[in-house]
Amino acid sequence: MKKIICLIIFIALTSCQSEDTLLSANFSGASKIEILDAEGNNRLNPNYTDPILLKNLNLYHLIDGERVLYFDGDMDIPKGLNIQFDTYFKKWVLSVAQNPFDQNKDLISTSILDFGDGTEGIIEGQWNKAFNPPTGGSLDVVNVWYNGEIVYEGNGQRIFSIVK
């Protein structure tokens, strides 16, 4: 009986949370890009005549002024890029993991999308950091520029179209 009481007390003491415990964290840094040709056809669609293929794409993050190729073999999406059919928007999109690592004083980070054909796109994301100890915090992209042009402002799904 003493062992059971000791076990119950041990479980009760070790399962208590301190007030400093981070209860939740939100990280949202991916953007979705629809890539169209001049006639408005989606070049990410595998049925397109000459579709854009994931194997030809690379993502670089600008970190301390240097281009760093993004690759993490332990991740589900190791290149930080994924071509998928978005069931909500009913279109093929390229999901791009934006650079959370190196932000300037305005909390803007830069990523470079290499299309593998000698062309690149510059994606800049402005981050909003909101930490609310002890309950949690968030790190979200709130504005996105593509080649210097604002393509997303505000809340909701970060999706935009480019012509290539």
Protein backbone atom coordinates (compact mmCIF):
# COMPACT_ATOMS: atom_id res chain seq x y z
CA MET A 1 0.00 0.00 0.00
CA LYS A 2 2.86 2.36 0.88
CA LYS A 3 4.34 1.77 -2.58
CA ILE A 4 1.08 2.77 -4.28
CA ILE A 5 0.77 5.95 -2.20
CA CYS A 6 4.40 6.86 -2.92
CA LEU A 7 3.82 6.22 -6.63
CA ILE A 8 0.71 8.46 -6.65
CA ILE A 9 2.58 11.26 -4.86
CA PHE A 10 5.54 10.92 -7.24
CA ILE A 11 3.27 11.13 -10.31
CA ALA A 12 1.40 14.11 -8.87
CA LEU A 13 4.62 16.01 -8.12
CA THR A 14 6.32 15.31 -11.45
CA SER A 15 3.27 16.08 -13.57
CA CYS A 16 2.81 19.61 -12.20
CA GLN A 17 3.75 22.41 -14.60
CA SER A 18 5.59 25.49 -13.52
CA GLU A 19 4.24 28.87 -14.55
CA ASP A 20 7.26 29.37 -16.80
CA THR A 21 6.36 26.44 -19.05
CA LEU A 22 5.84 27.35 -22.71
CA LEU A 23 2.42 25.93 -23.49
CA SER A 24 2.27 26.64 -27.21
CA ALA A 25 4.37 27.92 -30.07
CA ASN A 26 3.35 28.69 -33.64
CA PHE A 27 5.76 28.91 -36.57
CA SER A 28 4.33 29.83 -39.95
CA GLY A 29 6.81 30.66 -42.66
CA ALA A 30 5.80 28.94 -45.91
CA SER A 31 4.42 30.70 -48.96
CA LYS A 32 2.62 29.12 -51.90
CA ILE A 33 3.41 30.24 -55.43
CA GLU A 34 1.36 29.50 -58.52
CA ILE A 35 3.66 29.68 -61.56
CA LEU A 36 1.88 30.58 -64.80
CA ASP A 37 2.98 30.91 -68.42
CA ALA A 38 2.08 33.97 -70.51
CA GLU A 39 -1.27 32.38 -71.46
CA GLY A 40 -2.22 31.69 -67.82
CA ASN A 41 -1.49 27.95 -67.82
CA ASN A 42 -0.12 26.51 -64.59
CA ARG A 43 3.47 25.37 -65.22
CA LEU A 44 3.50 23.24 -62.04
CA ASN A 45 0.77 20.96 -63.38
CA PRO A 46 2.43 17.66 -64.36
CA ASN A 47 0.20 17.60 -67.49
CA TYR A 48 1.70 20.90 -68.74
CA THR A 49 3.76 20.48 -71.93
CA ASP A 50 7.06 21.38 -70.20
CA PRO A 51 6.27 21.42 -66.47
CA ILE A 52 8.54 22.90 -63.82
CA LEU A 53 10.01 19.95 -61.92
CA LEU A 54 11.06 19.92 -58.28
CA LYS A 55 14.37 18.23 -59.16
CA ASN A 56 15.41 21.34 -61.12
CA LEU A 57 14.62 23.81 -58.31
CA ASN A 58 16.84 24.93 -55.44
CA LEU A 59 16.23 27.24 -52.51
CA TYR A 60 18.90 29.44 -50.99
CA HIS A 61 18.63 31.54 -47.85
CA LEU A 62 20.68 34.69 -47.43
CA ILE A 63 22.45 34.23 -44.09
CA ASP A 64 25.02 36.78 -42.91
CA GLY A 65 25.19 38.08 -46.48
CA GLU A 66 26.01 34.64 -47.95
CA ARG A 67 23.85 32.43 -50.17
CA VAL A 68 23.32 29.15 -48.33
CA LEU A 69 21.68 26.22 -50.12
CA TYR A 70 18.76 24.93 -48.05
CA PHE A 71 18.84 21.18 -47.56
CA ASP A 72 17.91 19.20 -44.48
CA GLY A 73 17.82 15.47 -45.11
CA ASP A 74 15.99 14.86 -41.82
CA MET A 75 12.93 16.84 -42.96
CA ASP A 76 9.91 15.58 -44.92
CA ILE A 77 10.59 18.32 -47.47
CA PRO A 78 14.43 18.39 -47.47
CA LYS A 79 14.83 21.10 -50.13
CA GLY A 80 12.35 23.46 -48.44
CA LEU A 81 10.31 23.24 -51.64
CA ASN A 82 7.32 21.11 -52.54
CA ILE A 83 5.07 20.99 -55.60
CA GLN A 84 1.54 19.97 -54.66
CA PHE A 85 -2.07 20.30 -55.70
CA ASP A 86 -3.70 22.63 -53.20
CA THR A 87 -7.16 21.21 -52.57
CA TYR A 88 -8.45 24.47 -51.05
CA PHE A 89 -7.42 26.71 -53.95
CA LYS A 90 -7.83 23.92 -56.54
CA LYS A 91 -4.50 24.65 -58.24
CA TRP A 92 -0.93 23.41 -58.41
CA VAL A 93 1.41 25.42 -56.17
CA LEU A 94 5.03 25.50 -55.12
CA SER A 95 5.37 25.66 -51.33
CA VAL A 96 8.48 27.58 -50.29
CA ALA A 97 9.94 27.56 -46.77
CA GLN A 98 11.01 31.14 -46.16
CA ASN A 99 14.18 32.06 -44.32
CA PRO A 100 13.58 32.43 -40.56
CA PHE A 101 17.30 32.49 -39.73
CA ASP A 102 18.67 35.89 -40.72
CA GLN A 103 16.47 38.97 -40.50
CA ASN A 104 17.46 42.61 -40.83
CA LYS A 105 16.39 45.35 -38.40
CA ASP A 106 12.94 45.43 -40.05
CA LEU A 107 12.61 41.65 -39.48
CA ILE A 108 12.87 41.01 -43.25
CA SER A 109 14.68 37.90 -44.45
CA THR A 110 15.66 36.93 -48.00
CA SER A 111 15.36 33.64 -49.87
CA ILE A 112 16.41 32.94 -53.45
CA LEU A 113 14.47 30.53 -55.65
CA ASP A 114 16.74 29.07 -58.35
CA PHE A 115 14.65 27.70 -61.23
CA GLY A 116 17.57 25.69 -62.64
CA ASP A 117 17.36 27.41 -66.03
CA GLY A 118 19.60 30.37 -65.25
CA THR A 119 16.80 32.46 -63.70
CA GLU A 120 16.03 33.20 -60.08
CA GLY A 121 13.32 34.80 -57.99
CA ILE A 122 14.01 36.79 -54.83
CA ILE A 123 11.50 36.19 -52.03
CA GLU A 124 11.57 38.49 -49.03
CA GLY A 125 9.45 37.88 -45.97
CA GLN A 126 8.74 40.24 -43.10
CA TRP A 127 8.37 38.35 -39.86
CA ASN A 128 6.19 39.15 -36.88
CA LYS A 129 7.57 37.86 -33.60
CA ALA A 130 5.04 37.69 -30.79
CA PHE A 131 6.19 36.10 -27.57
CA ASN A 132 3.72 35.99 -24.72
CA PRO A 133 5.37 34.19 -21.82
CA PRO A 134 4.37 32.05 -20.11
CA THR A 135 1.65 30.85 -22.49
CA GLY A 136 3.49 30.76 -25.81
CA GLY A 137 4.43 32.73 -28.84
CA SER A 138 4.49 32.86 -32.60
CA LEU A 139 6.76 33.60 -35.52
CA ASP A 140 4.81 34.40 -38.69
CA VAL A 141 5.49 35.94 -42.08
CA VAL A 142 3.16 38.94 -42.43
CA ASN A 143 4.37 40.49 -45.72
CA VAL A 144 5.97 38.91 -48.80
CA TRP A 145 7.78 40.52 -51.73
CA TYR A 146 8.70 38.71 -54.95
CA ASN A 147 11.46 40.40 -56.97
CA GLY A 148 10.84 43.62 -55.03
CA GLU A 149 7.06 43.72 -55.58
CA ILE A 150 4.69 43.20 -52.65
CA VAL A 151 2.63 40.07 -53.33
CA TYR A 152 1.12 39.35 -49.91
CA GLU A 153 0.04 41.56 -47.02
CA GLY A 154 -1.77 40.52 -43.90
CA ASN A 155 -3.31 37.34 -42.60
CA GLY A 156 -4.54 34.13 -44.12
CA GLN A 157 -3.00 31.88 -46.74
CA ARG A 158 0.22 33.22 -48.25
CA ILE A 159 -0.43 32.43 -51.89
CA PHE A 160 0.47 34.44 -54.96
CA SER A 161 0.99 33.95 -58.70
CA ILE A 162 3.95 34.75 -60.90
CA VAL A 163 4.41 34.55 -64.67
CA LYS A 164 7.42 32.58 -65.88
